[in-house]
Amino acid sequence: MKRKLYDYIKQLEKKIKNKELDKNLSEEVYTWIVFYQHERLIHLIVTFFVGISMIIILIAGLYFQELLILIMFLILLLLFIPYIIHYYFLENGVQKLYDLYFKTIKK
């Protein structure tokens, strides 16, 4: 997903630089923004619930002092870090698409 988004951004920047702008391009960019906003929302929800689950399991692990529960916490932590990184790139990519969309509208 990350590669697809950034490839599209590069392609769009090239079109704007070469002044290959028309009404269809701004509509296309808007469609991609809507698609990636949905993707971003889904990843935000998943990241939120993994984070909440991680905190609950950490509290349970500290309360019950069970090694298995703390291992579950570490597994969720290993899942949570890539979710945060992926969401970071997704968020920045969508923000870049907003900027490019406004450039296509202005010209």
PDB file of N, CA and C in Angstrom:
ATOM      1  N   MET A   1       0.830  -1.189   0.000  1.00  0.00           N
ATOM      2  CA  MET A   1       0.000   0.000   0.000  1.00  0.00           C
ATOM      3  C   MET A   1       0.879   1.258   0.000  1.00  0.00           C
ATOM      4  N   LYS A   2       1.900   1.237   0.840  1.00  0.00           N
ATOM      5  CA  LYS A   2       2.784   2.401   0.934  1.00  0.00           C
ATOM      6  C   LYS A   2       3.450   2.681  -0.414  1.00  0.00           C
ATOM      7  N   ARG A   3       3.958   1.627  -1.037  1.00  0.00           N
ATOM      8  CA  ARG A   3       4.641   1.799  -2.318  1.00  0.00           C
ATOM      9  C   ARG A   3       3.677   2.293  -3.389  1.00  0.00           C
ATOM     10  N   LYS A   4       2.454   1.759  -3.381  1.00  0.00           N
ATOM     11  CA  LYS A   4       1.452   2.172  -4.363  1.00  0.00           C
ATOM     12  C   LYS A   4       1.111   3.651  -4.204  1.00  0.00           C
ATOM     13  N   LEU A   5       0.962   4.092  -2.961  1.00  0.00           N
ATOM     14  CA  LEU A   5       0.649   5.495  -2.690  1.00  0.00           C
ATOM     15  C   LEU A   5       1.777   6.408  -3.146  1.00  0.00           C
ATOM     16  N   TYR A   6       3.006   6.069  -2.789  1.00  0.00           N
ATOM     17  CA  TYR A   6       4.124   6.947  -3.142  1.00  0.00           C
ATOM     18  C   TYR A   6       4.450   6.901  -4.632  1.00  0.00           C
ATOM     19  N   ASP A   7       4.193   5.771  -5.291  1.00  0.00           N
ATOM     20  CA  ASP A   7       4.345   5.729  -6.756  1.00  0.00           C
ATOM     21  C   ASP A   7       3.329   6.658  -7.421  1.00  0.00           C
ATOM     22  N   TYR A   8       2.102   6.656  -6.909  1.00  0.00           N
ATOM     23  CA  TYR A   8       1.077   7.539  -7.461  1.00  0.00           C
ATOM     24  C   TYR A   8       1.440   9.004  -7.227  1.00  0.00           C
ATOM     25  N   ILE A   9       1.985   9.308  -6.061  1.00  0.00           N
ATOM     26  CA  ILE A   9       2.390  10.689  -5.764  1.00  0.00           C
ATOM     27  C   ILE A   9       3.492  11.132  -6.724  1.00  0.00           C
ATOM     28  N   LYS A  10       4.466  10.269  -6.984  1.00  0.00           N
ATOM     29  CA  LYS A  10       5.538  10.613  -7.934  1.00  0.00           C
ATOM     30  C   LYS A  10       4.970  10.846  -9.330  1.00  0.00           C
ATOM     31  N   GLN A  11       4.059   9.977  -9.748  1.00  0.00           N
ATOM     32  CA  GLN A  11       3.430  10.112 -11.063  1.00  0.00           C
ATOM     33  C   GLN A  11       2.663  11.429 -11.143  1.00  0.00           C
ATOM     34  N   LEU A  12       1.949  11.760 -10.093  1.00  0.00           N
ATOM     35  CA  LEU A  12       1.167  12.991 -10.060  1.00  0.00           C
ATOM     36  C   LEU A  12       2.062  14.227 -10.057  1.00  0.00           C
ATOM     37  N   GLU A  13       3.136  14.180  -9.301  1.00  0.00           N
ATOM     38  CA  GLU A  13       4.082  15.306  -9.289  1.00  0.00           C
ATOM     39  C   GLU A  13       4.686  15.522 -10.677  1.00  0.00           C
ATOM     40  N   LYS A  14       4.949  14.436 -11.369  1.00  0.00           N
ATOM     41  CA  LYS A  14       5.497  14.546 -12.720  1.00  0.00           C
ATOM     42  C   LYS A  14       4.492  15.207 -13.663  1.00  0.00           C
ATOM     43  N   LYS A  15       3.211  14.825 -13.542  1.00  0.00           N
ATOM     44  CA  LYS A  15       2.173  15.432 -14.376  1.00  0.00           C
ATOM     45  C   LYS A  15       2.025  16.919 -14.076  1.00  0.00           C
ATOM     46  N   ILE A  16       2.090  17.286 -12.814  1.00  0.00           N
ATOM     47  CA  ILE A  16       1.969  18.700 -12.450  1.00  0.00           C
ATOM     48  C   ILE A  16       3.172  19.477 -12.943  1.00  0.00           C
ATOM     49  N   LYS A  17       4.345  18.896 -12.837  1.00  0.00           N
ATOM     50  CA  LYS A  17       5.565  19.561 -13.306  1.00  0.00           C
ATOM     51  C   LYS A  17       5.533  19.773 -14.825  1.00  0.00           C
ATOM     52  N   ASN A  18       5.025  18.784 -15.551  1.00  0.00           N
ATOM     53  CA  ASN A  18       4.934  18.876 -17.018  1.00  0.00           C
ATOM     54  C   ASN A  18       3.675  19.605 -17.475  1.00  0.00           C
ATOM     55  N   LYS A  19       2.886  20.092 -16.526  1.00  0.00           N
ATOM     56  CA  LYS A  19       1.649  20.835 -16.795  1.00  0.00           C
ATOM     57  C   LYS A  19       0.654  20.034 -17.628  1.00  0.00           C
ATOM     58  N   GLU A  20       0.531  18.766 -17.302  1.00  0.00           N
ATOM     59  CA  GLU A  20      -0.446  17.884 -17.948  1.00  0.00           C
ATOM     60  C   GLU A  20      -1.721  17.876 -17.103  1.00  0.00           C
ATOM     61  N   LEU A  21      -2.295  19.039 -16.922  1.00  0.00           N
ATOM     62  CA  LEU A  21      -3.438  19.181 -16.021  1.00  0.00           C
ATOM     63  C   LEU A  21      -4.736  19.314 -16.798  1.00  0.00           C
ATOM     64  N   ASP A  22      -5.764  18.673 -16.312  1.00  0.00           N
ATOM     65  CA  ASP A  22      -7.117  18.845 -16.824  1.00  0.00           C
ATOM     66  C   ASP A  22      -8.099  18.537 -15.694  1.00  0.00           C
ATOM     67  N   LYS A  23      -9.356  18.696 -15.984  1.00  0.00           N
ATOM     68  CA  LYS A  23     -10.376  18.484 -14.948  1.00  0.00           C
ATOM     69  C   LYS A  23     -10.413  17.030 -14.487  1.00  0.00           C
ATOM     70  N   ASN A  24     -10.183  16.120 -15.402  1.00  0.00           N
ATOM     71  CA  ASN A  24     -10.210  14.702 -15.055  1.00  0.00           C
ATOM     72  C   ASN A  24      -9.120  14.342 -14.048  1.00  0.00           C
ATOM     73  N   LEU A  25      -7.986  15.041 -14.142  1.00  0.00           N
ATOM     74  CA  LEU A  25      -6.888  14.752 -13.218  1.00  0.00           C
ATOM     75  C   LEU A  25      -7.277  15.113 -11.789  1.00  0.00           C
ATOM     76  N   SER A  26      -7.891  16.276 -11.604  1.00  0.00           N
ATOM     77  CA  SER A  26      -8.289  16.657 -10.242  1.00  0.00           C
ATOM     78  C   SER A  26      -9.362  15.718  -9.701  1.00  0.00           C
ATOM     79  N   GLU A  27     -10.260  15.250 -10.552  1.00  0.00           N
ATOM     80  CA  GLU A  27     -11.274  14.279 -10.113  1.00  0.00           C
ATOM     81  C   GLU A  27     -10.630  12.939  -9.756  1.00  0.00           C
ATOM     82  N   GLU A  28      -9.630  12.554 -10.529  1.00  0.00           N
ATOM     83  CA  GLU A  28      -8.908  11.308 -10.250  1.00  0.00           C
ATOM     84  C   GLU A  28      -8.181  11.398  -8.909  1.00  0.00           C
ATOM     85  N   VAL A  29      -7.530  12.527  -8.664  1.00  0.00           N
ATOM     86  CA  VAL A  29      -6.812  12.722  -7.407  1.00  0.00           C
ATOM     87  C   VAL A  29      -7.803  12.689  -6.243  1.00  0.00           C
ATOM     88  N   TYR A  30      -8.948  13.323  -6.418  1.00  0.00           N
ATOM     89  CA  TYR A  30      -9.970  13.318  -5.367  1.00  0.00           C
ATOM     90  C   TYR A  30     -10.442  11.898  -5.071  1.00  0.00           C
ATOM     91  N   THR A  31     -10.611  11.086  -6.097  1.00  0.00           N
ATOM     92  CA  THR A  31     -11.025   9.693  -5.914  1.00  0.00           C
ATOM     93  C   THR A  31      -9.985   8.921  -5.117  1.00  0.00           C
ATOM     94  N   TRP A  32      -8.704   9.122  -5.435  1.00  0.00           N
ATOM     95  CA  TRP A  32      -7.635   8.456  -4.689  1.00  0.00           C
ATOM     96  C   TRP A  32      -7.580   8.941  -3.246  1.00  0.00           C
ATOM     97  N   ILE A  33      -7.848  10.229  -3.024  1.00  0.00           N
ATOM     98  CA  ILE A  33      -7.861  10.754  -1.659  1.00  0.00           C
ATOM     99  C   ILE A  33      -8.948  10.064  -0.846  1.00  0.00           C
ATOM    100  N   VAL A  34     -10.132   9.920  -1.425  1.00  0.00           N
ATOM    101  CA  VAL A  34     -11.238   9.249  -0.723  1.00  0.00           C
ATOM    102  C   VAL A  34     -10.858   7.807  -0.404  1.00  0.00           C
ATOM    103  N   PHE A  35     -10.239   7.125  -1.365  1.00  0.00           N
ATOM    104  CA  PHE A  35      -9.810   5.743  -1.153  1.00  0.00           C
ATOM    105  C   PHE A  35      -8.802   5.654  -0.009  1.00  0.00           C
ATOM    106  N   TYR A  36      -7.803   6.508  -0.033  1.00  0.00           N
ATOM    107  CA  TYR A  36      -6.771   6.453   1.009  1.00  0.00           C
ATOM    108  C   TYR A  36      -7.274   6.971   2.354  1.00  0.00           C
ATOM    109  N   GLN A  37      -8.276   7.840   2.370  1.00  0.00           N
ATOM    110  CA  GLN A  37      -8.874   8.253   3.635  1.00  0.00           C
ATOM    111  C   GLN A  37      -9.557   7.063   4.300  1.00  0.00           C
ATOM    112  N   HIS A  38     -10.239   6.259   3.502  1.00  0.00           N
ATOM    113  CA  HIS A  38     -10.877   5.060   4.037  1.00  0.00           C
ATOM    114  C   HIS A  38      -9.820   4.104   4.588  1.00  0.00           C
ATOM    115  N   GLU A  39      -8.773   3.915   3.832  1.00  0.00           N
ATOM    116  CA  GLU A  39      -7.673   3.043   4.262  1.00  0.00           C
ATOM    117  C   GLU A  39      -7.058   3.560   5.563  1.00  0.00           C
ATOM    118  N   ARG A  40      -6.887   4.855   5.652  1.00  0.00           N
ATOM    119  CA  ARG A  40      -6.319   5.486   6.840  1.00  0.00           C
ATOM    120  C   ARG A  40      -7.232   5.292   8.044  1.00  0.00           C
ATOM    121  N   LEU A  41      -8.538   5.419   7.855  1.00  0.00           N
ATOM    122  CA  LEU A  41      -9.486   5.225   8.948  1.00  0.00           C
ATOM    123  C   LEU A  41      -9.439   3.796   9.473  1.00  0.00           C
ATOM    124  N   ILE A  42      -9.406   2.831   8.579  1.00  0.00           N
ATOM    125  CA  ILE A  42      -9.341   1.427   8.987  1.00  0.00           C
ATOM    126  C   ILE A  42      -8.070   1.169   9.787  1.00  0.00           C
ATOM    127  N   HIS A  43      -6.948   1.685   9.303  1.00  0.00           N
ATOM    128  CA  HIS A  43      -5.686   1.479  10.021  1.00  0.00           C
ATOM    129  C   HIS A  43      -5.669   2.212  11.360  1.00  0.00           C
ATOM    130  N   LEU A  44      -6.313   3.345  11.444  1.00  0.00           N
ATOM    131  CA  LEU A  44      -6.405   4.055  12.717  1.00  0.00           C
ATOM    132  C   LEU A  44      -7.201   3.234  13.730  1.00  0.00           C
ATOM    133  N   ILE A  45      -8.315   2.663  13.294  1.00  0.00           N
ATOM    134  CA  ILE A  45      -9.144   1.845  14.185  1.00  0.00           C
ATOM    135  C   ILE A  45      -8.369   0.616  14.664  1.00  0.00           C
ATOM    136  N   VAL A  46      -7.699  -0.074  13.741  1.00  0.00           N
ATOM    137  CA  VAL A  46      -6.928  -1.264  14.106  1.00  0.00           C
ATOM    138  C   VAL A  46      -5.798  -0.890  15.063  1.00  0.00           C
ATOM    139  N   THR A  47      -5.089   0.181  14.760  1.00  0.00           N
ATOM    140  CA  THR A  47      -3.986   0.625  15.617  1.00  0.00           C
ATOM    141  C   THR A  47      -4.491   0.985  17.005  1.00  0.00           C
ATOM    142  N   PHE A  48      -5.620   1.658  17.075  1.00  0.00           N
ATOM    143  CA  PHE A  48      -6.202   2.035  18.355  1.00  0.00           C
ATOM    144  C   PHE A  48      -6.528   0.803  19.195  1.00  0.00           C
ATOM    145  N   PHE A  49      -7.187  -0.178  18.590  1.00  0.00           N
ATOM    146  CA  PHE A  49      -7.576  -1.360  19.348  1.00  0.00           C
ATOM    147  C   PHE A  49      -6.379  -2.230  19.733  1.00  0.00           C
ATOM    148  N   VAL A  50      -5.376  -2.303  18.886  1.00  0.00           N
ATOM    149  CA  VAL A  50      -4.169  -3.044  19.270  1.00  0.00           C
ATOM    150  C   VAL A  50      -3.486  -2.333  20.436  1.00  0.00           C
ATOM    151  N   GLY A  51      -3.434  -1.005  20.413  1.00  0.00           N
ATOM    152  CA  GLY A  51      -2.837  -0.248  21.506  1.00  0.00           C
ATOM    153  C   GLY A  51      -3.601  -0.419  22.805  1.00  0.00           C
ATOM    154  N   ILE A  52      -4.920  -0.335  22.737  1.00  0.00           N
ATOM    155  CA  ILE A  52      -5.751  -0.524  23.934  1.00  0.00           C
ATOM    156  C   ILE A  52      -5.583  -1.947  24.477  1.00  0.00           C
ATOM    157  N   SER A  53      -5.588  -2.929  23.590  1.00  0.00           N
ATOM    158  CA  SER A  53      -5.391  -4.318  24.013  1.00  0.00           C
ATOM    159  C   SER A  53      -4.029  -4.497  24.665  1.00  0.00           C
ATOM    160  N   MET A  54      -3.040  -3.849  24.119  1.00  0.00           N
ATOM    161  CA  MET A  54      -1.690  -3.932  24.664  1.00  0.00           C
ATOM    162  C   MET A  54      -1.645  -3.379  26.087  1.00  0.00           C
ATOM    163  N   ILE A  55      -2.289  -2.253  26.311  1.00  0.00           N
ATOM    164  CA  ILE A  55      -2.308  -1.645  27.644  1.00  0.00           C
ATOM    165  C   ILE A  55      -3.057  -2.535  28.632  1.00  0.00           C
ATOM    166  N   ILE A  56      -4.204  -3.078  28.218  1.00  0.00           N
ATOM    167  CA  ILE A  56      -4.978  -3.956  29.099  1.00  0.00           C
ATOM    168  C   ILE A  56      -4.177  -5.205  29.463  1.00  0.00           C
ATOM    169  N   ILE A  57      -3.511  -5.794  28.469  1.00  0.00           N
ATOM    170  CA  ILE A  57      -2.725  -7.000  28.725  1.00  0.00           C
ATOM    171  C   ILE A  57      -1.520  -6.677  29.606  1.00  0.00           C
ATOM    172  N   LEU A  58      -0.915  -5.516  29.428  1.00  0.00           N
ATOM    173  CA  LEU A  58       0.205  -5.123  30.289  1.00  0.00           C
ATOM    174  C   LEU A  58      -0.263  -4.982  31.741  1.00  0.00           C
ATOM    175  N   ILE A  59      -1.383  -4.326  31.945  1.00  0.00           N
ATOM    176  CA  ILE A  59      -1.918  -4.161  33.309  1.00  0.00           C
ATOM    177  C   ILE A  59      -2.254  -5.530  33.909  1.00  0.00           C
ATOM    178  N   ALA A  60      -2.872  -6.405  33.113  1.00  0.00           N
ATOM    179  CA  ALA A  60      -3.201  -7.754  33.599  1.00  0.00           C
ATOM    180  C   ALA A  60      -1.924  -8.529  33.919  1.00  0.00           C
ATOM    181  N   GLY A  61      -0.922  -8.381  33.079  1.00  0.00           N
ATOM    182  CA  GLY A  61       0.341  -9.083  33.311  1.00  0.00           C
ATOM    183  C   GLY A  61       1.042  -8.609  34.560  1.00  0.00           C
ATOM    184  N   LEU A  62       0.987  -7.320  34.810  1.00  0.00           N
ATOM    185  CA  LEU A  62       1.609  -6.785  36.018  1.00  0.00           C
ATOM    186  C   LEU A  62       0.809  -7.168  37.267  1.00  0.00           C
ATOM    187  N   TYR A  63      -0.498  -7.227  37.140  1.00  0.00           N
ATOM    188  CA  TYR A  63      -1.347  -7.576  38.277  1.00  0.00           C
ATOM    189  C   TYR A  63      -1.215  -9.060  38.641  1.00  0.00           C
ATOM    190  N   PHE A  64      -1.333  -9.923  37.626  1.00  0.00           N
ATOM    191  CA  PHE A  64      -1.277 -11.367  37.883  1.00  0.00           C
ATOM    192  C   PHE A  64       0.146 -11.909  37.894  1.00  0.00           C
ATOM    193  N   GLN A  65       1.076 -11.171  37.394  1.00  0.00           N
ATOM    194  CA  GLN A  65       2.490 -11.553  37.323  1.00  0.00           C
ATOM    195  C   GLN A  65       2.672 -12.921  36.663  1.00  0.00           C
ATOM    196  N   GLU A  66       2.026 -13.063  35.511  1.00  0.00           N
ATOM    197  CA  GLU A  66       2.136 -14.283  34.723  1.00  0.00           C
ATOM    198  C   GLU A  66       3.040 -14.013  33.528  1.00  0.00           C
ATOM    199  N   LEU A  67       3.970 -14.888  33.304  1.00  0.00           N
ATOM    200  CA  LEU A  67       4.908 -14.727  32.198  1.00  0.00           C
ATOM    201  C   LEU A  67       4.195 -14.818  30.852  1.00  0.00           C
ATOM    202  N   LEU A  68       3.213 -15.702  30.736  1.00  0.00           N
ATOM    203  CA  LEU A  68       2.478 -15.878  29.481  1.00  0.00           C
ATOM    204  C   LEU A  68       1.765 -14.586  29.064  1.00  0.00           C
ATOM    205  N   ILE A  69       1.194 -13.898  30.040  1.00  0.00           N
ATOM    206  CA  ILE A  69       0.508 -12.642  29.734  1.00  0.00           C
ATOM    207  C   ILE A  69       1.505 -11.587  29.274  1.00  0.00           C
ATOM    208  N   LEU A  70       2.673 -11.530  29.894  1.00  0.00           N
ATOM    209  CA  LEU A  70       3.695 -10.572  29.471  1.00  0.00           C
ATOM    210  C   LEU A  70       4.254 -10.914  28.089  1.00  0.00           C
ATOM    211  N   ILE A  71       4.312 -12.202  27.764  1.00  0.00           N
ATOM    212  CA  ILE A  71       4.731 -12.612  26.416  1.00  0.00           C
ATOM    213  C   ILE A  71       3.693 -12.146  25.390  1.00  0.00           C
ATOM    214  N   MET A  72       2.403 -12.259  25.757  1.00  0.00           N
ATOM    215  CA  MET A  72       1.348 -11.742  24.869  1.00  0.00           C
ATOM    216  C   MET A  72       1.518 -10.239  24.650  1.00  0.00           C
ATOM    217  N   PHE A  73       1.891  -9.533  25.708  1.00  0.00           N
ATOM    218  CA  PHE A  73       2.143  -8.095  25.582  1.00  0.00           C
ATOM    219  C   PHE A  73       3.278  -7.824  24.600  1.00  0.00           C
ATOM    220  N   LEU A  74       4.354  -8.571  24.698  1.00  0.00           N
ATOM    221  CA  LEU A  74       5.486  -8.377  23.783  1.00  0.00           C
ATOM    222  C   LEU A  74       5.094  -8.666  22.335  1.00  0.00           C
ATOM    223  N   ILE A  75       4.265  -9.683  22.137  1.00  0.00           N
ATOM    224  CA  ILE A  75       3.796 -10.002  20.776  1.00  0.00           C
ATOM    225  C   ILE A  75       2.965  -8.845  20.229  1.00  0.00           C
ATOM    226  N   LEU A  76       2.068  -8.313  21.051  1.00  0.00           N
ATOM    227  CA  LEU A  76       1.262  -7.169  20.604  1.00  0.00           C
ATOM    228  C   LEU A  76       2.132  -5.940  20.362  1.00  0.00           C
ATOM    229  N   LEU A  77       3.150  -5.762  21.167  1.00  0.00           N
ATOM    230  CA  LEU A  77       4.070  -4.638  20.952  1.00  0.00           C
ATOM    231  C   LEU A  77       4.778  -4.770  19.607  1.00  0.00           C
ATOM    232  N   LEU A  78       5.164  -6.002  19.269  1.00  0.00           N
ATOM    233  CA  LEU A  78       5.810  -6.237  17.974  1.00  0.00           C
ATOM    234  C   LEU A  78       4.852  -6.001  16.813  1.00  0.00           C
ATOM    235  N   LEU A  79       3.552  -6.171  17.034  1.00  0.00           N
ATOM    236  CA  LEU A  79       2.561  -5.835  16.010  1.00  0.00           C
ATOM    237  C   LEU A  79       2.288  -4.331  15.975  1.00  0.00           C
ATOM    238  N   PHE A  80       2.298  -3.717  17.132  1.00  0.00           N
ATOM    239  CA  PHE A  80       1.922  -2.305  17.255  1.00  0.00           C
ATOM    240  C   PHE A  80       2.936  -1.385  16.574  1.00  0.00           C
ATOM    241  N   ILE A  81       4.204  -1.689  16.689  1.00  0.00           N
ATOM    242  CA  ILE A  81       5.241  -0.827  16.102  1.00  0.00           C
ATOM    243  C   ILE A  81       5.089  -0.735  14.582  1.00  0.00           C
ATOM    244  N   PRO A  82       4.945  -1.857  13.851  1.00  0.00           N
ATOM    245  CA  PRO A  82       4.724  -1.727  12.401  1.00  0.00           C
ATOM    246  C   PRO A  82       3.423  -1.006  12.045  1.00  0.00           C
ATOM    247  N   TYR A  83       2.368  -1.189  12.874  1.00  0.00           N
ATOM    248  CA  TYR A  83       1.115  -0.459  12.632  1.00  0.00           C
ATOM    249  C   TYR A  83       1.351   1.046  12.707  1.00  0.00           C
ATOM    250  N   ILE A  84       2.086   1.489  13.698  1.00  0.00           N
ATOM    251  CA  ILE A  84       2.368   2.914  13.858  1.00  0.00           C
ATOM    252  C   ILE A  84       3.183   3.437  12.681  1.00  0.00           C
ATOM    253  N   ILE A  85       4.192   2.684  12.280  1.00  0.00           N
ATOM    254  CA  ILE A  85       5.031   3.102  11.149  1.00  0.00           C
ATOM    255  C   ILE A  85       4.205   3.179   9.873  1.00  0.00           C
ATOM    256  N   HIS A  86       3.378   2.153   9.634  1.00  0.00           N
ATOM    257  CA  HIS A  86       2.553   2.146   8.430  1.00  0.00           C
ATOM    258  C   HIS A  86       1.556   3.307   8.454  1.00  0.00           C
ATOM    259  N   TYR A  87       0.940   3.550   9.599  1.00  0.00           N
ATOM    260  CA  TYR A  87      -0.024   4.640   9.699  1.00  0.00           C
ATOM    261  C   TYR A  87       0.656   5.986   9.483  1.00  0.00           C
ATOM    262  N   TYR A  88       1.877   6.132   9.965  1.00  0.00           N
ATOM    263  CA  TYR A  88       2.644   7.364   9.770  1.00  0.00           C
ATOM    264  C   TYR A  88       2.836   7.641   8.276  1.00  0.00           C
ATOM    265  N   PHE A  89       3.264   6.637   7.524  1.00  0.00           N
ATOM    266  CA  PHE A  89       3.473   6.838   6.087  1.00  0.00           C
ATOM    267  C   PHE A  89       2.150   7.064   5.354  1.00  0.00           C
ATOM    268  N   LEU A  90       1.119   6.378   5.779  1.00  0.00           N
ATOM    269  CA  LEU A  90      -0.191   6.554   5.164  1.00  0.00           C
ATOM    270  C   LEU A  90      -0.712   7.968   5.403  1.00  0.00           C
ATOM    271  N   GLU A  91      -0.584   8.452   6.624  1.00  0.00           N
ATOM    272  CA  GLU A  91      -1.037   9.804   6.965  1.00  0.00           C
ATOM    273  C   GLU A  91      -0.262  10.859   6.176  1.00  0.00           C
ATOM    274  N   ASN A  92       1.061  10.732   6.132  1.00  0.00           N
ATOM    275  CA  ASN A  92       1.865  11.708   5.396  1.00  0.00           C
ATOM    276  C   ASN A  92       1.601  11.652   3.894  1.00  0.00           C
ATOM    277  N   GLY A  93       1.350  10.456   3.370  1.00  0.00           N
ATOM    278  CA  GLY A  93       1.039  10.322   1.952  1.00  0.00           C
ATOM    279  C   GLY A  93      -0.279  10.995   1.603  1.00  0.00           C
ATOM    280  N   VAL A  94      -1.276  10.836   2.451  1.00  0.00           N
ATOM    281  CA  VAL A  94      -2.575  11.465   2.195  1.00  0.00           C
ATOM    282  C   VAL A  94      -2.444  12.984   2.299  1.00  0.00           C
ATOM    283  N   GLN A  95      -1.665  13.466   3.254  1.00  0.00           N
ATOM    284  CA  GLN A  95      -1.446  14.909   3.363  1.00  0.00           C
ATOM    285  C   GLN A  95      -0.758  15.452   2.108  1.00  0.00           C
ATOM    286  N   LYS A  96       0.163  14.679   1.560  1.00  0.00           N
ATOM    287  CA  LYS A  96       0.838  15.078   0.313  1.00  0.00           C
ATOM    288  C   LYS A  96      -0.170  15.087  -0.842  1.00  0.00           C
ATOM    289  N   LEU A  97      -1.080  14.110  -0.860  1.00  0.00           N
ATOM    290  CA  LEU A  97      -2.113  14.090  -1.897  1.00  0.00           C
ATOM    291  C   LEU A  97      -3.014  15.314  -1.800  1.00  0.00           C
ATOM    292  N   TYR A  98      -3.321  15.759  -0.572  1.00  0.00           N
ATOM    293  CA  TYR A  98      -4.111  16.977  -0.407  1.00  0.00           C
ATOM    294  C   TYR A  98      -3.407  18.154  -1.080  1.00  0.00           C
ATOM    295  N   ASP A  99      -2.127  18.298  -0.806  1.00  0.00           N
ATOM    296  CA  ASP A  99      -1.362  19.408  -1.398  1.00  0.00           C
ATOM    297  C   ASP A  99      -1.382  19.342  -2.917  1.00  0.00           C
ATOM    298  N   LEU A 100      -1.168  18.142  -3.455  1.00  0.00           N
ATOM    299  CA  LEU A 100      -1.155  17.988  -4.912  1.00  0.00           C
ATOM    300  C   LEU A 100      -2.543  18.217  -5.503  1.00  0.00           C
ATOM    301  N   TYR A 101      -3.573  17.831  -4.786  1.00  0.00           N
ATOM    302  CA  TYR A 101      -4.932  18.062  -5.254  1.00  0.00           C
ATOM    303  C   TYR A 101      -5.213  19.559  -5.366  1.00  0.00           C
ATOM    304  N   PHE A 102      -4.802  20.316  -4.372  1.00  0.00           N
ATOM    305  CA  PHE A 102      -5.019  21.761  -4.425  1.00  0.00           C
ATOM    306  C   PHE A 102      -4.198  22.395  -5.541  1.00  0.00           C
ATOM    307  N   LYS A 103      -3.047  21.840  -5.863  1.00  0.00           N
ATOM    308  CA  LYS A 103      -2.262  22.343  -6.988  1.00  0.00           C
ATOM    309  C   LYS A 103      -2.984  22.083  -8.304  1.00  0.00           C
ATOM    310  N   THR A 104      -3.641  20.908  -8.423  1.00  0.00           N
ATOM    311  CA  THR A 104      -4.345  20.609  -9.675  1.00  0.00           C
ATOM    312  C   THR A 104      -5.569  21.491  -9.834  1.00  0.00           C
ATOM    313  N   ILE A 105      -6.190  21.882  -8.741  1.00  0.00           N
ATOM    314  CA  ILE A 105      -7.369  22.745  -8.812  1.00  0.00           C
ATOM    315  C   ILE A 105      -6.975  24.164  -9.200  1.00  0.00           C
ATOM    316  N   LYS A 106      -5.868  24.653  -8.631  1.00  0.00           N
ATOM    317  CA  LYS A 106      -5.457  26.031  -8.882  1.00  0.00           C
ATOM    318  C   LYS A 106      -5.043  26.260 -10.330  1.00  0.00           C
ATOM    319  N   LYS A 107      -4.512  25.229 -10.975  1.00  0.00           N
ATOM    320  CA  LYS A 107      -4.006  25.417 -12.335  1.00  0.00           C
ATOM    321  C   LYS A 107      -5.019  25.011 -13.287  1.00  0.00           C
TER     322      LYS A 107
END
